[in-house]
Amino acid sequence: MDSPQVTPDSAVKSTEHMPTLLRGKPTSAEETQAPKKPRRCKSHVAKHFSTTVDEICTHRDTAVCFMNSTLADAADEFIRSNRTAAVVMESGGGIIGVLTENDILGAFVDSAPWDCSLDRWLQGEDARLPGRLIPAMMLPPDTSLAEAAACMASMAEDDTNFACHHLLVRRSSTGTGDNFMQPNWRLLSALDIAVGMLEAARAEAAGALTPDTCAASKAAAMTVSQAMKPRALAATCTLDATLADAFVELFTSRQNCALVISSPQSSEAVRNISVESEGEVQEVEPLHQQLEDEGIQSVGGGPIYGVITTSDAIRAFSERITGEHTSLAGWLRGLAQERITAAQRAVAADDSLVNASATLASTGVHHLLVLDRATQEVTGVLSALDIVIAMGVNWLFEEVEEPQ
């Protein structure tokens, strides 16, 4: 799909097209066969931006599963490690692919068996990051954070079925012996890159960066409204929808977050809430005023009661919940004490992306609700990938503008 031509100025000023800024040219059928990385950054980027992917990816452990593990095992590992992807290894220590949150979502929607082996899944056509794509996803350890952002943004823009929220980093130092849990590579997620922006901001404050030439600094200074997905483009689900329906909406819309809103039927639905546990339908107390108190107003769309994300799909798959007899109201109610509330994941539209990154870091979530500061209405959704794209676009424009 084509979109309007983008200039460096429009990259900073646009409030509508930022998530698709890289769509400056059509993609041929040949180009969609596998994601491609942008060329290595030039010396002026490395000079002004010293934070590398090797430094960033060590902040969190990389989740690891083995090829004979099941999809349910992988979902359990995602929850245990608080990661959205895991490297899948063969017994000899080689990588056969990476399993992501979107694999679990796809497996849920396709009713894949809980005990499907990871080896079998990665050989199927629905795998997001099979072994044959590993070379395209691997970055050297000295890659700058901004260049990694450009790489991830380019993959997102390719609009293929391949993973675009994760990359692999070849470590500069490796583990010892045959300890495969200390590999010589690490996963780098969109959240890792977005949170890495905080280090760039600290380096700038210390005088280590030149803001005029640093892509990360330029992106950090942008406002949330310049990078967010507008409310009208965000996926939505109603309180009376089933959990299974919500996951189908995420899958078909190719979004990892959907706003949960009310509907004319929602009031009646919350009076008969049920949730599944180990395949059995159980009655739970209705939401009543608790959900009403949690509601945040959205522009022209009534109250928003929270969000449903791929993390919920991981949780449901891990607990072997089909979601066919679980309303979203019941699901939100059942996890009310555990999940981040709508208010906690809110950020002002006129706030900076670096402050949004700080909120992502403190909450550990991948998506934020964007509020108008004056009206407190929800105007959009900001994801970690949106921040990555903003950083990546600025890096690409630096490459274009560099004097020869």
Protein backbone atom coordinates (compact mmCIF):
# COMPACT_ATOMS: atom_id res chain seq x y z
CA MET A 1 0.00 0.00 0.00
CA ASP A 2 1.35 3.40 -0.99
CA SER A 3 1.18 6.47 1.22
CA PRO A 4 2.09 10.15 0.84
CA GLN A 5 5.75 10.96 0.26
CA VAL A 6 7.50 11.80 3.51
CA THR A 7 10.14 14.45 4.13
CA PRO A 8 12.27 14.96 7.26
CA ASP A 9 9.99 17.82 8.34
CA SER A 10 6.85 15.76 7.93
CA ALA A 11 8.48 12.98 9.93
CA VAL A 12 8.53 15.33 12.89
CA LYS A 13 5.20 17.09 12.33
CA SER A 14 2.87 14.33 11.21
CA THR A 15 0.21 13.30 13.73
CA GLU A 16 -1.50 10.70 11.58
CA HIS A 17 0.94 8.66 9.51
CA MET A 18 3.87 8.03 11.84
CA PRO A 19 3.28 4.27 12.24
CA THR A 20 3.49 3.97 8.43
CA LEU A 21 6.11 6.59 7.67
CA LEU A 22 8.35 4.13 5.92
CA ARG A 23 5.81 3.45 3.20
CA GLY A 24 7.43 5.76 0.70
CA LYS A 25 7.54 3.16 -2.06
CA PRO A 26 5.55 0.07 -3.03
CA THR A 27 6.87 -3.34 -2.06
CA SER A 28 7.30 -5.89 -4.82
CA ALA A 29 6.40 -9.54 -4.44
CA GLU A 30 10.09 -10.41 -4.39
CA GLU A 31 10.77 -7.99 -1.56
CA THR A 32 8.14 -9.62 0.66
CA GLN A 33 9.81 -13.03 0.61
CA ALA A 34 11.98 -12.16 3.59
CA PRO A 35 12.64 -9.05 5.67
CA LYS A 36 15.68 -6.98 4.78
CA LYS A 37 17.89 -4.93 7.03
CA PRO A 38 18.96 -1.39 6.15
CA ARG A 39 22.64 -0.93 5.40
CA ARG A 40 25.05 -0.48 8.29
CA CYS A 41 25.19 2.97 9.84
CA LYS A 42 27.93 5.37 8.83
CA SER A 43 30.58 6.71 11.14
CA HIS A 44 28.73 9.91 12.03
CA VAL A 45 25.94 7.92 13.69
CA ALA A 46 28.31 5.82 15.78
CA LYS A 47 30.26 8.94 16.75
CA HIS A 48 27.27 10.73 18.20
CA PHE A 49 25.37 7.77 19.57
CA SER A 50 27.43 5.37 21.65
CA THR A 51 24.70 3.14 23.08
CA THR A 52 24.78 -0.21 21.28
CA VAL A 53 22.37 -3.12 21.10
CA ASP A 54 24.87 -5.25 23.01
CA GLU A 55 24.48 -2.94 25.99
CA ILE A 56 20.69 -2.79 25.79
CA CYS A 57 19.93 -6.49 25.33
CA THR A 58 21.80 -7.46 28.50
CA HIS A 59 19.27 -5.64 30.68
CA ARG A 60 16.83 -8.55 30.48
CA ASP A 61 17.37 -12.28 30.20
CA THR A 62 16.54 -14.00 26.93
CA ALA A 63 13.83 -16.64 27.18
CA VAL A 64 14.88 -20.03 25.80
CA CYS A 65 12.80 -23.07 24.84
CA PHE A 66 13.79 -26.33 23.20
CA MET A 67 12.43 -27.81 20.01
CA ASN A 68 10.60 -30.65 21.77
CA SER A 69 8.78 -28.23 24.09
CA THR A 70 5.12 -27.53 23.39
CA LEU A 71 3.31 -24.30 22.59
CA ALA A 72 1.82 -24.39 26.10
CA ASP A 73 5.33 -24.79 27.56
CA ALA A 74 6.44 -21.73 25.59
CA ALA A 75 3.48 -19.70 26.86
CA ASP A 76 4.46 -20.68 30.41
CA GLU A 77 8.03 -19.53 29.73
CA PHE A 78 6.79 -16.20 28.36
CA ILE A 79 4.91 -15.60 31.59
CA ARG A 80 7.78 -16.74 33.81
CA SER A 81 10.36 -14.58 32.05
CA ASN A 82 8.02 -11.66 31.32
CA ARG A 83 9.15 -11.78 27.70
CA THR A 84 7.11 -11.80 24.49
CA ALA A 85 9.41 -14.14 22.55
CA ALA A 86 11.74 -17.06 23.14
CA VAL A 87 14.65 -18.48 21.18
CA VAL A 88 13.96 -22.10 20.21
CA MET A 89 17.01 -24.36 20.29
CA GLU A 90 17.82 -27.86 19.17
CA SER A 91 19.54 -30.29 21.50
CA GLY A 92 22.96 -29.41 20.10
CA GLY A 93 22.53 -25.73 20.92
CA GLY A 94 21.71 -24.43 17.45
CA ILE A 95 18.84 -21.99 16.87
CA ILE A 96 15.91 -23.37 14.86
CA GLY A 97 13.81 -20.21 15.15
CA VAL A 98 12.16 -17.75 17.50
CA LEU A 99 8.65 -18.15 18.88
CA THR A 100 6.81 -14.87 19.48
CA GLU A 101 3.64 -13.64 21.13
CA ASN A 102 2.01 -13.47 17.71
CA ASP A 103 2.72 -17.16 17.19
CA ILE A 104 0.78 -17.90 20.36
CA LEU A 105 -2.03 -15.59 19.23
CA GLY A 106 -2.15 -17.33 15.86
CA ALA A 107 -2.14 -20.73 17.50
CA PHE A 108 -5.01 -19.66 19.74
CA VAL A 109 -7.11 -18.36 16.83
CA ASP A 110 -6.37 -21.46 14.73
CA SER A 111 -7.22 -23.77 17.66
CA ALA A 112 -3.79 -25.37 17.49
CA PRO A 113 -3.32 -28.17 20.03
CA TRP A 114 -1.72 -27.15 23.32
CA ASP A 115 0.82 -29.93 22.94
CA CYS A 116 1.98 -28.99 19.43
CA SER A 117 5.79 -29.12 19.48
CA LEU A 118 7.75 -25.96 18.74
CA ASP A 119 9.70 -27.84 16.09
CA ARG A 120 6.48 -28.68 14.27
CA TRP A 121 5.09 -25.15 14.61
CA LEU A 122 8.24 -23.48 13.29
CA GLN A 123 8.14 -25.72 10.22
CA GLY A 124 4.60 -24.58 9.44
CA GLU A 125 3.62 -21.67 7.23
CA ASP A 126 2.26 -19.61 10.15
CA ALA A 127 5.58 -19.33 12.01
CA ARG A 128 6.59 -15.69 12.46
CA LEU A 129 10.34 -16.22 12.76
CA PRO A 130 11.43 -19.63 11.45
CA GLY A 131 15.07 -20.64 11.27
CA ARG A 132 15.55 -19.56 7.66
CA LEU A 133 15.01 -15.93 8.70
CA ILE A 134 17.57 -15.96 11.52
CA PRO A 135 20.39 -14.49 9.38
CA ALA A 136 18.19 -11.53 8.39
CA MET A 137 17.28 -10.93 12.03
CA MET A 138 20.81 -11.12 13.50
CA LEU A 139 22.62 -7.89 14.35
CA PRO A 140 26.30 -7.40 15.26
CA PRO A 141 26.86 -6.31 18.87
CA ASP A 142 28.18 -2.85 17.89
CA THR A 143 24.99 -1.90 16.03
CA SER A 144 23.69 1.43 17.29
CA LEU A 145 20.28 1.55 18.93
CA ALA A 146 18.99 3.90 16.22
CA GLU A 147 20.14 1.57 13.44
CA ALA A 148 18.44 -1.38 15.14
CA ALA A 149 15.29 0.74 15.28
CA ALA A 150 15.56 1.39 11.53
CA CYS A 151 16.00 -2.33 10.92
CA MET A 152 12.93 -3.22 12.96
CA ALA A 153 10.89 -0.41 11.39
CA SER A 154 11.79 -1.59 7.89
CA MET A 155 10.63 -5.10 8.74
CA ALA A 156 7.37 -3.74 10.13
CA GLU A 157 6.85 -1.74 6.96
CA ASP A 158 7.38 -4.75 4.69
CA ASP A 159 3.86 -5.82 5.76
CA THR A 160 4.73 -9.50 5.61
CA ASN A 161 3.72 -12.19 8.08
CA PHE A 162 7.21 -12.20 9.56
CA ALA A 163 8.11 -10.96 13.02
CA CYS A 164 8.81 -7.24 13.33
CA HIS A 165 8.90 -6.77 17.12
CA HIS A 166 12.07 -8.81 17.73
CA LEU A 167 15.66 -9.07 16.51
CA LEU A 168 18.63 -11.21 17.55
CA VAL A 169 21.94 -9.76 18.69
CA ARG A 170 25.22 -11.61 18.37
CA ARG A 171 26.94 -11.05 21.69
CA SER A 172 30.48 -9.69 21.90
CA SER A 173 31.15 -12.07 24.80
CA THR A 174 29.65 -15.53 25.24
CA GLY A 175 28.77 -17.91 28.02
CA THR A 176 31.18 -20.60 29.14
CA GLY A 177 31.25 -24.27 28.37
CA ASP A 178 28.10 -25.96 27.15
CA ASN A 179 25.70 -23.85 29.17
CA PHE A 180 23.09 -23.17 26.52
CA MET A 181 21.15 -20.92 28.90
CA GLN A 182 24.00 -18.38 28.54
CA PRO A 183 24.08 -18.18 24.72
CA ASN A 184 26.20 -15.97 22.54
CA TRP A 185 23.12 -14.19 21.27
CA ARG A 186 20.25 -12.32 22.89
CA LEU A 187 16.75 -11.27 21.91
CA LEU A 188 16.13 -7.57 21.35
CA SER A 189 12.48 -6.50 21.47
CA ALA A 190 10.71 -3.30 20.46
CA LEU A 191 10.23 -2.60 24.16
CA ASP A 192 13.99 -2.98 24.75
CA ILE A 193 14.74 -0.40 22.05
CA ALA A 194 12.05 2.00 23.24
CA VAL A 195 13.27 1.82 26.83
CA GLY A 196 16.83 2.19 25.54
CA MET A 197 15.85 5.69 24.53
CA LEU A 198 16.15 6.59 28.22
CA GLU A 199 19.86 5.79 28.11
CA ALA A 200 20.20 8.01 25.06
CA ALA A 201 18.54 10.84 26.94
CA ARG A 202 20.88 10.40 29.90
CA ALA A 203 23.88 10.35 27.57
CA GLU A 204 22.67 13.55 25.92
CA ALA A 205 22.32 15.24 29.31
CA ALA A 206 25.91 14.25 30.04
CA GLY A 207 27.07 15.86 26.80
CA ALA A 208 27.81 12.61 24.98
CA LEU A 209 25.34 13.26 22.14
CA THR A 210 24.77 15.92 19.51
CA PRO A 211 20.98 16.29 19.31
CA ASP A 212 21.01 17.72 15.76
CA THR A 213 22.61 14.55 14.37
CA CYS A 214 21.34 11.85 16.72
CA ALA A 215 18.25 9.97 15.59
CA ALA A 216 17.45 8.76 19.09
CA SER A 217 17.57 12.31 20.49
CA LYS A 218 15.34 13.63 17.73
CA ALA A 219 12.80 10.89 18.32
CA ALA A 220 12.95 11.39 22.08
CA ALA A 221 12.00 15.05 21.62
CA MET A 222 8.95 14.24 19.52
CA THR A 223 5.53 14.32 21.15
CA VAL A 224 3.39 11.26 21.73
CA SER A 225 0.73 12.56 19.32
CA GLN A 226 3.29 12.58 16.49
CA ALA A 227 3.97 8.85 16.82
CA MET A 228 0.74 7.34 18.14
CA LYS A 229 -1.94 5.37 16.31
CA PRO A 230 -5.06 7.63 16.22
CA ARG A 231 -8.12 6.42 18.12
CA ALA A 232 -10.05 5.89 14.89
CA LEU A 233 -7.43 3.38 13.66
CA ALA A 234 -7.14 1.40 16.89
CA ALA A 235 -8.75 -2.03 17.16
CA THR A 236 -11.71 -2.22 19.54
CA CYS A 237 -13.72 -4.90 21.34
CA THR A 238 -16.83 -4.57 23.49
CA LEU A 239 -17.26 -5.75 27.07
CA ASP A 240 -19.88 -8.30 26.06
CA ALA A 241 -17.65 -9.89 23.41
CA THR A 242 -16.03 -13.21 24.22
CA LEU A 243 -12.33 -13.49 24.86
CA ALA A 244 -12.04 -15.67 21.75
CA ASP A 245 -13.68 -12.95 19.65
CA ALA A 246 -11.25 -10.37 21.04
CA PHE A 247 -8.26 -12.48 20.03
CA VAL A 248 -9.70 -12.92 16.54
CA GLU A 249 -9.97 -9.12 16.32
CA LEU A 250 -6.31 -8.74 17.30
CA PHE A 251 -5.28 -11.37 14.77
CA THR A 252 -7.31 -10.07 11.83
CA SER A 253 -6.48 -6.41 12.48
CA ARG A 254 -2.78 -7.30 12.87
CA GLN A 255 -2.62 -5.22 16.02
CA ASN A 256 -1.32 -6.36 19.38
CA CYS A 257 -3.65 -4.15 21.42
CA ALA A 258 -7.40 -3.50 21.29
CA LEU A 259 -9.41 -1.00 23.31
CA VAL A 260 -12.20 -2.50 25.39
CA ILE A 261 -15.29 -0.33 25.11
CA SER A 262 -18.92 -0.53 26.13
CA SER A 263 -21.90 -1.36 23.94
CA PRO A 264 -25.70 -1.22 24.35
CA GLN A 265 -25.59 -4.87 25.41
CA SER A 266 -22.68 -4.47 27.83
CA SER A 267 -24.76 -3.48 30.86
CA GLU A 268 -26.74 -6.69 30.65
CA ALA A 269 -23.64 -8.73 29.86
CA VAL A 270 -21.79 -7.73 33.02
CA ARG A 271 -24.65 -9.07 35.14
CA ASN A 272 -23.94 -12.60 33.93
CA ILE A 273 -20.18 -12.85 33.83
CA SER A 274 -18.41 -16.17 33.57
CA VAL A 275 -14.81 -17.21 33.19
CA GLU A 276 -13.22 -20.51 32.26
CA SER A 277 -10.76 -22.35 34.44
CA GLU A 278 -9.26 -25.66 33.33
CA GLY A 279 -12.06 -26.11 30.81
CA GLU A 280 -14.90 -25.52 33.30
CA VAL A 281 -17.25 -22.54 33.28
CA GLN A 282 -17.45 -20.80 36.64
CA GLU A 283 -19.63 -17.91 37.80
CA VAL A 284 -17.95 -14.83 39.23
CA GLU A 285 -19.24 -11.66 40.81
CA PRO A 286 -20.46 -8.96 38.41
CA LEU A 287 -18.36 -5.87 37.74
CA HIS A 288 -21.04 -3.25 38.45
CA GLN A 289 -19.53 -0.07 39.78
CA GLN A 290 -15.95 -1.34 39.77
CA LEU A 291 -15.81 -1.29 35.98
CA GLU A 292 -17.67 2.00 35.88
CA ASP A 293 -15.09 3.56 38.17
CA GLU A 294 -12.28 2.31 35.94
CA GLY A 295 -13.80 3.77 32.77
CA ILE A 296 -11.86 6.47 30.91
CA GLN A 297 -13.60 8.56 28.28
CA SER A 298 -12.62 8.14 24.65
CA VAL A 299 -13.24 10.59 21.83
CA GLY A 300 -16.73 9.91 20.53
CA GLY A 301 -16.58 6.30 21.65
CA GLY A 302 -17.85 6.22 25.22
CA PRO A 303 -15.89 4.86 28.17
CA ILE A 304 -12.82 2.69 27.73
CA TYR A 305 -12.45 -0.01 30.37
CA GLY A 306 -8.96 -1.12 29.52
CA VAL A 307 -7.15 -2.99 26.78
CA ILE A 308 -6.78 -6.55 25.59
CA THR A 309 -3.35 -7.51 24.24
CA THR A 310 -1.33 -10.45 23.03
CA SER A 311 -0.17 -10.88 26.63
CA ASP A 312 -3.76 -11.93 27.42
CA ALA A 313 -3.57 -14.50 24.63
CA ILE A 314 -0.39 -15.89 26.18
CA ARG A 315 -2.09 -16.10 29.58
CA ALA A 316 -5.19 -17.78 28.16
CA PHE A 317 -3.13 -20.29 26.15
CA SER A 318 -1.00 -21.10 29.18
CA GLU A 319 -4.12 -21.77 31.24
CA ARG A 320 -5.71 -23.73 28.36
CA ILE A 321 -8.70 -21.43 28.21
CA THR A 322 -10.58 -21.47 24.91
CA GLY A 323 -12.25 -18.13 25.60
CA GLU A 324 -15.52 -19.19 23.99
CA HIS A 325 -17.42 -18.91 27.29
CA THR A 326 -15.48 -15.99 28.75
CA SER A 327 -16.65 -12.42 28.29
CA LEU A 328 -14.11 -9.62 28.20
CA ALA A 329 -15.86 -8.16 31.23
CA GLY A 330 -15.28 -11.41 33.11
CA TRP A 331 -11.68 -11.65 31.97
CA LEU A 332 -10.88 -8.10 33.09
CA ARG A 333 -12.64 -8.71 36.37
CA GLY A 334 -10.74 -11.93 37.02
CA LEU A 335 -7.36 -10.27 36.48
CA ALA A 336 -8.24 -6.94 38.07
CA GLN A 337 -5.76 -7.37 40.91
CA GLU A 338 -2.91 -8.41 38.62
CA ARG A 339 -3.07 -6.29 35.48
CA ILE A 340 -1.98 -2.71 34.85
CA THR A 341 -5.07 -0.50 34.91
CA ALA A 342 -6.12 1.86 32.14
CA ALA A 343 -5.08 4.84 34.27
CA GLN A 344 -1.61 3.43 34.96
CA ARG A 345 -0.88 2.94 31.28
CA ALA A 346 -1.99 6.48 30.29
CA VAL A 347 0.26 9.16 28.81
CA ALA A 348 -0.55 12.72 27.66
CA ALA A 349 -0.65 13.40 23.93
CA ASP A 350 1.63 16.42 24.29
CA ASP A 351 4.18 14.55 26.39
CA SER A 352 7.55 13.59 24.90
CA LEU A 353 8.40 10.13 23.61
CA VAL A 354 11.22 9.86 26.12
CA ASN A 355 8.68 10.31 28.95
CA ALA A 356 6.45 7.73 27.28
CA SER A 357 9.43 5.38 27.23
CA ALA A 358 9.84 5.95 30.96
CA THR A 359 6.23 4.88 31.48
CA LEU A 360 6.82 1.75 29.41
CA ALA A 361 9.90 1.00 31.51
CA SER A 362 8.12 1.48 34.84
CA THR A 363 5.03 -0.57 33.93
CA GLY A 364 6.60 -3.18 31.65
CA VAL A 365 3.70 -2.88 29.19
CA HIS A 366 4.06 -2.50 25.43
CA HIS A 367 1.07 -0.20 24.81
CA LEU A 368 -0.08 3.08 26.34
CA LEU A 369 -3.41 4.92 26.19
CA VAL A 370 -2.92 8.47 24.89
CA LEU A 371 -4.99 11.14 26.66
CA ASP A 372 -5.77 14.72 25.76
CA ARG A 373 -4.33 16.63 28.70
CA ALA A 374 -7.25 19.08 28.90
CA THR A 375 -10.22 16.75 28.40
CA GLN A 376 -8.66 13.46 29.59
CA GLU A 377 -10.21 11.77 26.56
CA VAL A 378 -8.43 8.90 24.87
CA THR A 379 -7.16 10.10 21.49
CA GLY A 380 -5.02 7.15 20.48
CA VAL A 381 -2.70 4.27 21.38
CA LEU A 382 1.10 4.39 21.53
CA SER A 383 3.08 1.17 21.27
CA ALA A 384 6.75 0.45 21.83
CA LEU A 385 6.97 -0.29 18.10
CA ASP A 386 5.61 3.19 17.32
CA ILE A 387 8.53 4.67 19.27
CA VAL A 388 10.94 2.36 17.47
CA ILE A 389 9.57 3.48 14.10
CA ALA A 390 9.97 7.15 15.06
CA MET A 391 13.61 6.52 15.96
CA GLY A 392 14.21 4.42 12.85
CA VAL A 393 12.73 7.00 10.50
CA ASN A 394 14.98 9.71 11.93
CA TRP A 395 18.01 7.45 11.45
CA LEU A 396 17.07 6.80 7.81
CA PHE A 397 16.68 10.52 7.14
CA GLU A 398 20.10 11.14 8.65
CA GLU A 399 21.50 8.65 6.16
CA VAL A 400 19.75 10.43 3.29
CA GLU A 401 20.87 13.90 4.37
CA GLU A 402 24.50 13.06 5.09
CA PRO A 403 26.83 14.99 2.73
CA GLN A 404 28.77 12.79 0.35
